[in-house]
């Protein structure tokens, strides 16, 4: 199994067609739990008018605590 510090340094890169056609707002604070800030990034179309509803996809990441990755295999 890889070293936890090595896993934490790894970057996840996902490419999707037309990624350059979106705007990104990064590190938006959405909640604070036990004095820890929980943040999210929001990606939306460049041409999206303000106050417009659109379908959404949520990707949730639970963190990288040792207990949560001890079962991960290479």
PDB file of N, CA and C in Angstrom:
ATOM      1  N   UNK A   1       0.841  -1.184   0.000  1.00  0.00           N
ATOM      2  CA  UNK A   1       0.000   0.000   0.000  1.00  0.00           C
ATOM      3  C   UNK A   1       0.884   1.245   0.000  1.00  0.00           C
ATOM      4  N   UNK A   2       0.444   2.269  -0.709  1.00  0.00           N
ATOM      5  CA  UNK A   2       1.212   3.509  -0.767  1.00  0.00           C
ATOM      6  C   UNK A   2       1.179   4.233   0.565  1.00  0.00           C
ATOM      7  N   UNK A   3       2.216   5.023   0.793  1.00  0.00           N
ATOM      8  CA  UNK A   3       2.315   5.846   1.987  1.00  0.00           C
ATOM      9  C   UNK A   3       1.203   6.906   1.959  1.00  0.00           C
ATOM     10  N   UNK A   4       0.565   7.155   3.091  1.00  0.00           N
ATOM     11  CA  UNK A   4      -0.536   8.104   3.174  1.00  0.00           C
ATOM     12  C   UNK A   4      -0.102   9.496   2.719  1.00  0.00           C
ATOM     13  N   UNK A   5       1.100   9.918   3.076  1.00  0.00           N
ATOM     14  CA  UNK A   5       1.579  11.236   2.656  1.00  0.00           C
ATOM     15  C   UNK A   5       1.698  11.311   1.134  1.00  0.00           C
ATOM     16  N   UNK A   6       2.126  10.226   0.512  1.00  0.00           N
ATOM     17  CA  UNK A   6       2.217  10.185  -0.951  1.00  0.00           C
ATOM     18  C   UNK A   6       0.825  10.308  -1.568  1.00  0.00           C
ATOM     19  N   UNK A   7      -0.138   9.605  -1.011  1.00  0.00           N
ATOM     20  CA  UNK A   7      -1.517   9.666  -1.513  1.00  0.00           C
ATOM     21  C   UNK A   7      -2.062  11.088  -1.383  1.00  0.00           C
ATOM     22  N   UNK A   8      -1.794  11.749  -0.265  1.00  0.00           N
ATOM     23  CA  UNK A   8      -2.285  13.109  -0.052  1.00  0.00           C
ATOM     24  C   UNK A   8      -1.688  14.098  -1.041  1.00  0.00           C
ATOM     25  N   UNK A   9      -0.481  13.840  -1.523  1.00  0.00           N
ATOM     26  CA  UNK A   9       0.167  14.736  -2.485  1.00  0.00           C
ATOM     27  C   UNK A   9      -0.298  14.505  -3.914  1.00  0.00           C
ATOM     28  N   UNK A  10      -0.943  13.378  -4.176  1.00  0.00           N
ATOM     29  CA  UNK A  10      -1.382  13.064  -5.532  1.00  0.00           C
ATOM     30  C   UNK A  10      -2.516  13.980  -5.950  1.00  0.00           C
ATOM     31  N   UNK A  11      -2.516  14.330  -7.219  1.00  0.00           N
ATOM     32  CA  UNK A  11      -3.536  15.222  -7.746  1.00  0.00           C
ATOM     33  C   UNK A  11      -4.487  14.423  -8.638  1.00  0.00           C
ATOM     34  N   UNK A  12      -5.765  14.641  -8.450  1.00  0.00           N
ATOM     35  CA  UNK A  12      -6.758  14.000  -9.299  1.00  0.00           C
ATOM     36  C   UNK A  12      -7.011  14.943 -10.476  1.00  0.00           C
ATOM     37  N   UNK A  13      -6.852  14.424 -11.668  1.00  0.00           N
ATOM     38  CA  UNK A  13      -7.069  15.248 -12.859  1.00  0.00           C
ATOM     39  C   UNK A  13      -8.124  14.555 -13.716  1.00  0.00           C
ATOM     40  N   UNK A  14      -9.192  15.248 -13.959  1.00  0.00           N
ATOM     41  CA  UNK A  14     -10.271  14.716 -14.772  1.00  0.00           C
ATOM     42  C   UNK A  14     -10.527  15.711 -15.893  1.00  0.00           C
ATOM     43  N   UNK A  15     -10.454  15.248 -17.095  1.00  0.00           N
ATOM     44  CA  UNK A  15     -10.702  16.115 -18.248  1.00  0.00           C
ATOM     45  C   UNK A  15     -12.049  15.760 -18.861  1.00  0.00           C
ATOM     46  N   UNK A  16     -12.784  16.769 -19.211  1.00  0.00           N
ATOM     47  CA  UNK A  16     -14.093  16.587 -19.827  1.00  0.00           C
ATOM     48  C   UNK A  16     -14.144  17.487 -21.061  1.00  0.00           C
ATOM     49  N   UNK A  17     -14.736  17.009 -22.159  1.00  0.00           N
ATOM     50  CA  UNK A  17     -14.830  17.862 -23.342  1.00  0.00           C
ATOM     51  C   UNK A  17     -15.469  19.212 -23.005  1.00  0.00           C
ATOM     52  N   UNK A  18     -14.946  20.264 -23.539  1.00  0.00           N
ATOM     53  CA  UNK A  18     -15.471  21.632 -23.399  1.00  0.00           C
ATOM     54  C   UNK A  18     -15.266  22.227 -22.009  1.00  0.00           C
ATOM     55  N   UNK A  19     -14.294  21.711 -21.267  1.00  0.00           N
ATOM     56  CA  UNK A  19     -14.037  22.254 -19.922  1.00  0.00           C
ATOM     57  C   UNK A  19     -13.685  23.737 -19.961  1.00  0.00           C
ATOM     58  N   UNK A  20     -13.112  24.180 -21.074  1.00  0.00           N
ATOM     59  CA  UNK A  20     -12.729  25.586 -21.186  1.00  0.00           C
ATOM     60  C   UNK A  20     -13.947  26.502 -21.342  1.00  0.00           C
ATOM     61  N   UNK A  21     -15.116  25.918 -21.480  1.00  0.00           N
ATOM     62  CA  UNK A  21     -16.327  26.702 -21.682  1.00  0.00           C
ATOM     63  C   UNK A  21     -17.134  26.881 -20.396  1.00  0.00           C
ATOM     64  N   UNK A  22     -16.470  26.797 -19.259  1.00  0.00           N
ATOM     65  CA  UNK A  22     -17.152  26.993 -17.977  1.00  0.00           C
ATOM     66  C   UNK A  22     -16.416  28.028 -17.141  1.00  0.00           C
ATOM     67  N   UNK A  23     -17.148  28.627 -16.230  1.00  0.00           N
ATOM     68  CA  UNK A  23     -16.563  29.495 -15.209  1.00  0.00           C
ATOM     69  C   UNK A  23     -16.457  28.684 -13.924  1.00  0.00           C
ATOM     70  N   UNK A  24     -15.493  29.035 -13.102  1.00  0.00           N
ATOM     71  CA  UNK A  24     -15.291  28.301 -11.852  1.00  0.00           C
ATOM     72  C   UNK A  24     -15.203  29.294 -10.702  1.00  0.00           C
ATOM     73  N   UNK A  25     -15.946  29.016  -9.646  1.00  0.00           N
ATOM     74  CA  UNK A  25     -15.797  29.748  -8.378  1.00  0.00           C
ATOM     75  C   UNK A  25     -15.258  28.735  -7.380  1.00  0.00           C
ATOM     76  N   UNK A  26     -14.050  28.962  -6.882  1.00  0.00           N
ATOM     77  CA  UNK A  26     -13.380  27.998  -6.014  1.00  0.00           C
ATOM     78  C   UNK A  26     -13.464  28.401  -4.541  1.00  0.00           C
ATOM     79  N   UNK A  27     -13.374  27.366  -3.704  1.00  0.00           N
ATOM     80  CA  UNK A  27     -13.284  27.534  -2.249  1.00  0.00           C
ATOM     81  C   UNK A  27     -14.414  28.367  -1.653  1.00  0.00           C
ATOM     82  N   UNK A  28     -15.639  28.064  -2.046  1.00  0.00           N
ATOM     83  CA  UNK A  28     -16.809  28.735  -1.484  1.00  0.00           C
ATOM     84  C   UNK A  28     -17.171  28.024  -0.174  1.00  0.00           C
ATOM     85  N   UNK A  29     -17.125  28.745   0.916  1.00  0.00           N
ATOM     86  CA  UNK A  29     -17.469  28.180   2.226  1.00  0.00           C
ATOM     87  C   UNK A  29     -18.966  27.894   2.265  1.00  0.00           C
ATOM     88  N   UNK A  30     -19.327  26.632   2.538  1.00  0.00           N
ATOM     89  CA  UNK A  30     -20.752  26.312   2.635  1.00  0.00           C
ATOM     90  C   UNK A  30     -21.164  25.866   4.022  1.00  0.00           C
ATOM     91  N   UNK A  31     -20.187  25.525   4.889  1.00  0.00           N
ATOM     92  CA  UNK A  31     -20.534  25.114   6.248  1.00  0.00           C
ATOM     93  C   UNK A  31     -19.267  25.056   7.088  1.00  0.00           C
ATOM     94  N   UNK A  32     -19.422  25.254   8.390  1.00  0.00           N
ATOM     95  CA  UNK A  32     -18.326  25.097   9.336  1.00  0.00           C
ATOM     96  C   UNK A  32     -18.743  24.050  10.361  1.00  0.00           C
ATOM     97  N   UNK A  33     -17.890  23.026  10.537  1.00  0.00           N
ATOM     98  CA  UNK A  33     -18.169  21.942  11.479  1.00  0.00           C
ATOM     99  C   UNK A  33     -16.968  21.811  12.406  1.00  0.00           C
ATOM    100  N   UNK A  34     -17.221  21.917  13.710  1.00  0.00           N
ATOM    101  CA  UNK A  34     -16.137  21.819  14.701  1.00  0.00           C
ATOM    102  C   UNK A  34     -14.954  22.708  14.319  1.00  0.00           C
ATOM    103  N   UNK A  35     -15.257  23.941  13.961  1.00  0.00           N
ATOM    104  CA  UNK A  35     -14.271  24.950  13.580  1.00  0.00           C
ATOM    105  C   UNK A  35     -13.486  24.607  12.312  1.00  0.00           C
ATOM    106  N   UNK A  36     -13.946  23.631  11.539  1.00  0.00           N
ATOM    107  CA  UNK A  36     -13.316  23.301  10.267  1.00  0.00           C
ATOM    108  C   UNK A  36     -14.202  23.803   9.130  1.00  0.00           C
ATOM    109  N   UNK A  37     -13.600  24.548   8.205  1.00  0.00           N
ATOM    110  CA  UNK A  37     -14.336  25.103   7.070  1.00  0.00           C
ATOM    111  C   UNK A  37     -14.527  24.050   5.992  1.00  0.00           C
ATOM    112  N   UNK A  38     -15.770  23.867   5.557  1.00  0.00           N
ATOM    113  CA  UNK A  38     -16.071  22.974   4.447  1.00  0.00           C
ATOM    114  C   UNK A  38     -16.317  23.851   3.225  1.00  0.00           C
ATOM    115  N   UNK A  39     -15.574  23.582   2.164  1.00  0.00           N
ATOM    116  CA  UNK A  39     -15.646  24.438   0.981  1.00  0.00           C
ATOM    117  C   UNK A  39     -16.005  23.624  -0.245  1.00  0.00           C
ATOM    118  N   UNK A  40     -16.478  24.327  -1.273  1.00  0.00           N
ATOM    119  CA  UNK A  40     -16.825  23.674  -2.529  1.00  0.00           C
ATOM    120  C   UNK A  40     -16.387  24.548  -3.696  1.00  0.00           C
ATOM    121  N   UNK A  41     -16.240  23.911  -4.847  1.00  0.00           N
ATOM    122  CA  UNK A  41     -15.992  24.616  -6.099  1.00  0.00           C
ATOM    123  C   UNK A  41     -17.248  24.475  -6.937  1.00  0.00           C
ATOM    124  N   UNK A  42     -17.651  25.547  -7.605  1.00  0.00           N
ATOM    125  CA  UNK A  42     -18.845  25.523  -8.448  1.00  0.00           C
ATOM    126  C   UNK A  42     -18.431  25.828  -9.885  1.00  0.00           C
ATOM    127  N   UNK A  43     -18.830  24.952 -10.790  1.00  0.00           N
ATOM    128  CA  UNK A  43     -18.559  25.101 -12.225  1.00  0.00           C
ATOM    129  C   UNK A  43     -19.891  25.369 -12.916  1.00  0.00           C
ATOM    130  N   UNK A  44     -19.925  26.386 -13.758  1.00  0.00           N
ATOM    131  CA  UNK A  44     -21.163  26.699 -14.455  1.00  0.00           C
ATOM    132  C   UNK A  44     -20.861  27.258 -15.842  1.00  0.00           C
ATOM    133  N   UNK A  45     -21.822  27.169 -16.777  1.00  0.00           N
ATOM    134  CA  UNK A  45     -21.595  27.635 -18.148  1.00  0.00           C
ATOM    135  C   UNK A  45     -21.270  29.127 -18.193  1.00  0.00           C
ATOM    136  N   UNK A  46     -20.396  29.509 -19.122  1.00  0.00           N
ATOM    137  CA  UNK A  46     -20.032  30.915 -19.283  1.00  0.00           C
ATOM    138  C   UNK A  46     -21.233  31.791 -19.599  1.00  0.00           C
ATOM    139  N   UNK A  47     -22.162  31.249 -20.357  1.00  0.00           N
ATOM    140  CA  UNK A  47     -23.307  32.046 -20.810  1.00  0.00           C
ATOM    141  C   UNK A  47     -24.525  31.928 -19.899  1.00  0.00           C
ATOM    142  N   UNK A  48     -24.345  31.434 -18.700  1.00  0.00           N
ATOM    143  CA  UNK A  48     -25.483  31.229 -17.794  1.00  0.00           C
ATOM    144  C   UNK A  48     -25.924  32.560 -17.175  1.00  0.00           C
ATOM    145  N   UNK A  49     -27.169  32.975 -17.439  1.00  0.00           N
ATOM    146  CA  UNK A  49     -27.668  34.216 -16.842  1.00  0.00           C
ATOM    147  C   UNK A  49     -27.811  34.070 -15.318  1.00  0.00           C
ATOM    148  N   UNK A  50     -27.724  35.166 -14.619  1.00  0.00           N
ATOM    149  CA  UNK A  50     -27.902  35.158 -13.161  1.00  0.00           C
ATOM    150  C   UNK A  50     -29.285  34.643 -12.789  1.00  0.00           C
ATOM    151  N   UNK A  51     -29.377  33.986 -11.662  1.00  0.00           N
ATOM    152  CA  UNK A  51     -30.640  33.485 -11.111  1.00  0.00           C
ATOM    153  C   UNK A  51     -31.353  32.516 -12.052  1.00  0.00           C
ATOM    154  N   UNK A  52     -30.569  31.682 -12.745  1.00  0.00           N
ATOM    155  CA  UNK A  52     -31.128  30.680 -13.647  1.00  0.00           C
ATOM    156  C   UNK A  52     -30.955  29.304 -13.021  1.00  0.00           C
ATOM    157  N   UNK A  53     -32.007  28.509 -13.044  1.00  0.00           N
ATOM    158  CA  UNK A  53     -31.915  27.143 -12.525  1.00  0.00           C
ATOM    159  C   UNK A  53     -31.357  26.227 -13.609  1.00  0.00           C
ATOM    160  N   UNK A  54     -30.493  25.306 -13.214  1.00  0.00           N
ATOM    161  CA  UNK A  54     -29.913  24.320 -14.123  1.00  0.00           C
ATOM    162  C   UNK A  54     -29.778  23.003 -13.385  1.00  0.00           C
ATOM    163  N   UNK A  55     -29.748  21.890 -14.114  1.00  0.00           N
ATOM    164  CA  UNK A  55     -29.454  20.606 -13.476  1.00  0.00           C
ATOM    165  C   UNK A  55     -28.038  20.657 -12.883  1.00  0.00           C
ATOM    166  N   UNK A  56     -27.785  19.837 -11.892  1.00  0.00           N
ATOM    167  CA  UNK A  56     -26.470  19.849 -11.247  1.00  0.00           C
ATOM    168  C   UNK A  56     -25.986  18.431 -10.973  1.00  0.00           C
ATOM    169  N   UNK A  57     -24.674  18.297 -10.894  1.00  0.00           N
ATOM    170  CA  UNK A  57     -24.028  17.048 -10.490  1.00  0.00           C
ATOM    171  C   UNK A  57     -23.178  17.374  -9.281  1.00  0.00           C
ATOM    172  N   UNK A  58     -23.320  16.608  -8.218  1.00  0.00           N
ATOM    173  CA  UNK A  58     -22.534  16.831  -7.006  1.00  0.00           C
ATOM    174  C   UNK A  58     -21.537  15.704  -6.833  1.00  0.00           C
ATOM    175  N   UNK A  59     -20.283  16.063  -6.626  1.00  0.00           N
ATOM    176  CA  UNK A  59     -19.240  15.094  -6.308  1.00  0.00           C
ATOM    177  C   UNK A  59     -18.803  15.381  -4.882  1.00  0.00           C
ATOM    178  N   UNK A  60     -18.960  14.412  -4.006  1.00  0.00           N
ATOM    179  CA  UNK A  60     -18.660  14.603  -2.587  1.00  0.00           C
ATOM    180  C   UNK A  60     -17.408  13.820  -2.234  1.00  0.00           C
ATOM    181  N   UNK A  61     -16.500  14.487  -1.554  1.00  0.00           N
ATOM    182  CA  UNK A  61     -15.239  13.871  -1.127  1.00  0.00           C
ATOM    183  C   UNK A  61     -15.207  13.904   0.390  1.00  0.00           C
ATOM    184  N   UNK A  62     -14.961  12.776   1.005  1.00  0.00           N
ATOM    185  CA  UNK A  62     -15.010  12.682   2.463  1.00  0.00           C
ATOM    186  C   UNK A  62     -13.717  13.020   3.182  1.00  0.00           C
ATOM    187  N   UNK A  63     -12.710  13.456   2.478  1.00  0.00           N
ATOM    188  CA  UNK A  63     -11.445  13.801   3.121  1.00  0.00           C
ATOM    189  C   UNK A  63     -10.409  12.716   2.934  1.00  0.00           C
ATOM    190  N   UNK A  64      -9.264  12.925   3.539  1.00  0.00           N
ATOM    191  CA  UNK A  64      -8.168  11.970   3.347  1.00  0.00           C
ATOM    192  C   UNK A  64      -7.590  11.494   4.684  1.00  0.00           C
ATOM    193  N   UNK A  65      -8.427  11.383   5.683  1.00  0.00           N
ATOM    194  CA  UNK A  65      -7.964  10.924   6.982  1.00  0.00           C
ATOM    195  C   UNK A  65      -7.465   9.485   6.854  1.00  0.00           C
ATOM    196  N   UNK A  66      -6.475   9.156   7.654  1.00  0.00           N
ATOM    197  CA  UNK A  66      -5.841   7.839   7.588  1.00  0.00           C
ATOM    198  C   UNK A  66      -6.855   6.702   7.686  1.00  0.00           C
ATOM    199  N   UNK A  67      -7.823   6.798   8.571  1.00  0.00           N
ATOM    200  CA  UNK A  67      -8.809   5.722   8.727  1.00  0.00           C
ATOM    201  C   UNK A  67      -9.630   5.508   7.462  1.00  0.00           C
ATOM    202  N   UNK A  68      -9.894   6.599   6.741  1.00  0.00           N
ATOM    203  CA  UNK A  68     -10.742   6.455   5.560  1.00  0.00           C
ATOM    204  C   UNK A  68      -9.993   5.891   4.359  1.00  0.00           C
ATOM    205  N   UNK A  69      -8.657   5.862   4.387  1.00  0.00           N
ATOM    206  CA  UNK A  69      -7.905   5.341   3.244  1.00  0.00           C
ATOM    207  C   UNK A  69      -7.067   4.110   3.597  1.00  0.00           C
ATOM    208  N   UNK A  70      -7.164   3.610   4.809  1.00  0.00           N
ATOM    209  CA  UNK A  70      -6.323   2.486   5.189  1.00  0.00           C
ATOM    210  C   UNK A  70      -6.660   1.213   4.413  1.00  0.00           C
ATOM    211  N   UNK A  71      -7.874   1.136   3.874  1.00  0.00           N
ATOM    212  CA  UNK A  71      -8.290  -0.043   3.119  1.00  0.00           C
ATOM    213  C   UNK A  71      -8.039   0.102   1.615  1.00  0.00           C
ATOM    214  N   UNK A  72      -7.549   1.274   1.171  1.00  0.00           N
ATOM    215  CA  UNK A  72      -7.351   1.545  -0.256  1.00  0.00           C
ATOM    216  C   UNK A  72      -6.160   0.725  -0.767  1.00  0.00           C
ATOM    217  N   UNK A  73      -6.352   0.112  -1.921  1.00  0.00           N
ATOM    218  CA  UNK A  73      -5.277  -0.651  -2.540  1.00  0.00           C
ATOM    219  C   UNK A  73      -4.731   0.133  -3.728  1.00  0.00           C
ATOM    220  N   UNK A  74      -3.523  -0.190  -4.124  1.00  0.00           N
ATOM    221  CA  UNK A  74      -2.915   0.498  -5.287  1.00  0.00           C
ATOM    222  C   UNK A  74      -3.626   0.101  -6.552  1.00  0.00           C
TER     223      UNK A  74
END
